[in-house]
Amino acid sequence: AAGFASAFTPDAWLRFGNNPRLDGRDAIEAAIAGFFTTFVALEHESKGAFMDGDTLFLEAVVTYTRHDRARVSVPAMTVFHLVGADERGRPLADQCRIYVDLTPLYAPSAA
């Protein structure tokens, strides 16, 4: 969560799916840390990265390992508005939108 949040400016915002907007790097880190507790692991399989000016579009298939050890894969798109770089030269975003349907992740186990 801290690594993800470090990609944002201190006053950035994030909208994850249809959840309320999160304002500020600290709020983003706290929410992502909480989200990470709802599954065991996740993997991203990149399907494309596209730039349009200062906007980065990342398309992926995300595979989650649930607490019941079932694996669930869903398509996702993340859109970052980039505004500069940190002291190490890594891009920083002030806006992020994550489009994903997590219904399969939280669905009852088929077992």
C-alpha atoms as a PDB file:
ATOM      1  CA  ALA A   1       0.000   0.000   0.000  1.00  0.00           C
ATOM      2  CA  ALA A   2       2.824   2.399   0.857  1.00  0.00           C
ATOM      3  CA  GLY A   3       4.569   1.665  -2.436  1.00  0.00           C
ATOM      4  CA  PHE A   4       1.374   2.292  -4.401  1.00  0.00           C
ATOM      5  CA  ALA A   5       0.665   5.498  -2.485  1.00  0.00           C
ATOM      6  CA  SER A   6       4.193   6.766  -3.129  1.00  0.00           C
ATOM      7  CA  ALA A   7       3.232   7.195  -6.810  1.00  0.00           C
ATOM      8  CA  PHE A   8       0.912  10.073  -5.828  1.00  0.00           C
ATOM      9  CA  THR A   9       1.359  13.698  -4.900  1.00  0.00           C
ATOM     10  CA  PRO A  10       0.372  14.482  -1.286  1.00  0.00           C
ATOM     11  CA  ASP A  11      -2.895  16.104  -2.450  1.00  0.00           C
ATOM     12  CA  ALA A  12      -3.791  13.495  -5.087  1.00  0.00           C
ATOM     13  CA  TRP A  13      -7.126  11.750  -5.338  1.00  0.00           C
ATOM     14  CA  LEU A  14      -8.199   8.234  -6.285  1.00  0.00           C
ATOM     15  CA  ARG A  15     -11.549   6.789  -7.289  1.00  0.00           C
ATOM     16  CA  PHE A  16     -11.586   2.972  -7.091  1.00  0.00           C
ATOM     17  CA  GLY A  17     -14.551   1.493  -8.955  1.00  0.00           C
ATOM     18  CA  ASN A  18     -17.794   2.988  -7.712  1.00  0.00           C
ATOM     19  CA  ASN A  19     -16.416   3.787  -4.252  1.00  0.00           C
ATOM     20  CA  PRO A  20     -16.270   7.353  -2.931  1.00  0.00           C
ATOM     21  CA  ARG A  21     -13.277   9.410  -4.010  1.00  0.00           C
ATOM     22  CA  LEU A  22     -10.259   9.237  -1.705  1.00  0.00           C
ATOM     23  CA  ASP A  23      -8.498  12.548  -1.178  1.00  0.00           C
ATOM     24  CA  GLY A  24      -4.822  12.704  -0.241  1.00  0.00           C
ATOM     25  CA  ARG A  25      -1.921  10.263  -0.318  1.00  0.00           C
ATOM     26  CA  ASP A  26      -2.522   9.178   3.291  1.00  0.00           C
ATOM     27  CA  ALA A  27      -6.178   8.316   2.594  1.00  0.00           C
ATOM     28  CA  ILE A  28      -5.147   6.409  -0.538  1.00  0.00           C
ATOM     29  CA  GLU A  29      -2.570   4.382   1.390  1.00  0.00           C
ATOM     30  CA  ALA A  30      -4.995   3.588   4.229  1.00  0.00           C
ATOM     31  CA  ALA A  31      -7.764   2.466   1.872  1.00  0.00           C
ATOM     32  CA  ILE A  32      -5.448   0.327  -0.257  1.00  0.00           C
ATOM     33  CA  ALA A  33      -3.969  -1.255   2.889  1.00  0.00           C
ATOM     34  CA  GLY A  34      -7.493  -2.171   4.008  1.00  0.00           C
ATOM     35  CA  PHE A  35      -8.323  -3.535   0.544  1.00  0.00           C
ATOM     36  CA  PHE A  36      -5.194  -5.718   0.634  1.00  0.00           C
ATOM     37  CA  THR A  37      -6.527  -7.494   3.754  1.00  0.00           C
ATOM     38  CA  THR A  38      -9.514  -8.844   1.802  1.00  0.00           C
ATOM     39  CA  PHE A  39      -7.428 -11.321  -0.233  1.00  0.00           C
ATOM     40  CA  VAL A  40      -4.158 -13.262   0.054  1.00  0.00           C
ATOM     41  CA  ALA A  41      -2.318 -12.171  -3.110  1.00  0.00           C
ATOM     42  CA  LEU A  42      -2.723 -10.421  -6.433  1.00  0.00           C
ATOM     43  CA  GLU A  43      -0.943 -10.462  -9.778  1.00  0.00           C
ATOM     44  CA  HIS A  44      -1.202  -8.070 -12.713  1.00  0.00           C
ATOM     45  CA  GLU A  45      -0.840  -9.279 -16.292  1.00  0.00           C
ATOM     46  CA  SER A  46      -0.248  -6.213 -18.430  1.00  0.00           C
ATOM     47  CA  LYS A  47      -2.404  -5.980 -21.533  1.00  0.00           C
ATOM     48  CA  GLY A  48      -1.202  -2.552 -22.606  1.00  0.00           C
ATOM     49  CA  ALA A  49       0.095   0.835 -21.559  1.00  0.00           C
ATOM     50  CA  PHE A  50      -0.935   3.923 -23.476  1.00  0.00           C
ATOM     51  CA  MET A  51      -0.032   7.602 -23.083  1.00  0.00           C
ATOM     52  CA  ASP A  52      -2.109  10.528 -24.257  1.00  0.00           C
ATOM     53  CA  GLY A  53      -0.371  13.723 -23.246  1.00  0.00           C
ATOM     54  CA  ASP A  54      -0.050  13.585 -19.459  1.00  0.00           C
ATOM     55  CA  THR A  55      -2.551  10.741 -19.047  1.00  0.00           C
ATOM     56  CA  LEU A  56      -1.382   7.139 -18.651  1.00  0.00           C
ATOM     57  CA  PHE A  57      -3.783   4.259 -19.320  1.00  0.00           C
ATOM     58  CA  LEU A  58      -2.833   0.835 -17.939  1.00  0.00           C
ATOM     59  CA  GLU A  59      -4.878  -2.166 -19.034  1.00  0.00           C
ATOM     60  CA  ALA A  60      -4.434  -5.448 -17.153  1.00  0.00           C
ATOM     61  CA  VAL A  61      -5.939  -8.709 -16.066  1.00  0.00           C
ATOM     62  CA  VAL A  62      -5.718  -8.850 -12.286  1.00  0.00           C
ATOM     63  CA  THR A  63      -5.706 -12.246 -10.605  1.00  0.00           C
ATOM     64  CA  TYR A  64      -6.595 -12.316  -6.932  1.00  0.00           C
ATOM     65  CA  THR A  65      -6.028 -15.247  -4.596  1.00  0.00           C
ATOM     66  CA  ARG A  66      -8.899 -15.234  -2.132  1.00  0.00           C
ATOM     67  CA  HIS A  67      -8.669 -16.347   1.497  1.00  0.00           C
ATOM     68  CA  ASP A  68     -10.342 -19.622   0.480  1.00  0.00           C
ATOM     69  CA  ARG A  69      -7.416 -20.050  -1.994  1.00  0.00           C
ATOM     70  CA  ALA A  70      -9.686 -19.711  -5.034  1.00  0.00           C
ATOM     71  CA  ARG A  71      -8.149 -17.600  -7.798  1.00  0.00           C
ATOM     72  CA  VAL A  72     -10.266 -14.990  -9.546  1.00  0.00           C
ATOM     73  CA  SER A  73      -9.199 -13.014 -12.631  1.00  0.00           C
ATOM     74  CA  VAL A  74     -10.848  -9.790 -13.756  1.00  0.00           C
ATOM     75  CA  PRO A  75     -10.039  -7.171 -16.405  1.00  0.00           C
ATOM     76  CA  ALA A  76      -9.067  -3.739 -15.124  1.00  0.00           C
ATOM     77  CA  MET A  77      -8.136  -0.307 -16.407  1.00  0.00           C
ATOM     78  CA  THR A  78      -6.247   2.278 -14.396  1.00  0.00           C
ATOM     79  CA  VAL A  79      -5.981   5.872 -15.545  1.00  0.00           C
ATOM     80  CA  PHE A  80      -3.341   8.170 -14.040  1.00  0.00           C
ATOM     81  CA  HIS A  81      -2.983  11.915 -14.597  1.00  0.00           C
ATOM     82  CA  LEU A  82       0.777  12.528 -14.344  1.00  0.00           C
ATOM     83  CA  VAL A  83       2.131  15.824 -13.025  1.00  0.00           C
ATOM     84  CA  GLY A  84       5.861  15.349 -12.556  1.00  0.00           C
ATOM     85  CA  ALA A  85       8.377  13.089 -10.892  1.00  0.00           C
ATOM     86  CA  ASP A  86       9.692  12.382  -7.414  1.00  0.00           C
ATOM     87  CA  GLU A  87      13.313  12.879  -6.328  1.00  0.00           C
ATOM     88  CA  ARG A  88      14.209   9.481  -7.850  1.00  0.00           C
ATOM     89  CA  GLY A  89      12.678  10.372 -11.205  1.00  0.00           C
ATOM     90  CA  ARG A  90       9.577   8.168 -10.814  1.00  0.00           C
ATOM     91  CA  PRO A  91       6.359   9.630 -12.240  1.00  0.00           C
ATOM     92  CA  LEU A  92       3.867  11.164  -9.812  1.00  0.00           C
ATOM     93  CA  ALA A  93       0.108  11.337 -10.306  1.00  0.00           C
ATOM     94  CA  ASP A  94      -2.404  13.766  -8.876  1.00  0.00           C
ATOM     95  CA  GLN A  95      -5.446  11.803 -10.089  1.00  0.00           C
ATOM     96  CA  CYS A  96      -6.222   8.127 -10.519  1.00  0.00           C
ATOM     97  CA  ARG A  97      -9.273   6.193 -11.592  1.00  0.00           C
ATOM     98  CA  ILE A  98      -9.411   2.395 -11.340  1.00  0.00           C
ATOM     99  CA  TYR A  99     -12.123   0.664 -13.349  1.00  0.00           C
ATOM    100  CA  VAL A 100     -12.743  -2.936 -12.284  1.00  0.00           C
ATOM    101  CA  ASP A 101     -15.672  -5.139 -11.288  1.00  0.00           C
ATOM    102  CA  LEU A 102     -14.705  -6.922  -8.065  1.00  0.00           C
ATOM    103  CA  THR A 103     -17.978  -8.860  -7.767  1.00  0.00           C
ATOM    104  CA  PRO A 104     -16.229 -12.198  -8.528  1.00  0.00           C
ATOM    105  CA  LEU A 105     -13.613 -11.518  -5.830  1.00  0.00           C
ATOM    106  CA  TYR A 106     -16.244 -11.234  -3.101  1.00  0.00           C
ATOM    107  CA  ALA A 107     -18.742 -13.785  -4.447  1.00  0.00           C
ATOM    108  CA  PRO A 108     -19.430 -16.842  -2.270  1.00  0.00           C
ATOM    109  CA  SER A 109     -17.127 -19.771  -2.887  1.00  0.00           C
ATOM    110  CA  ALA A 110     -18.350 -22.316  -5.428  1.00  0.00           C
ATOM    111  CA  ALA A 111     -16.899 -25.140  -3.323  1.00  0.00           C
END
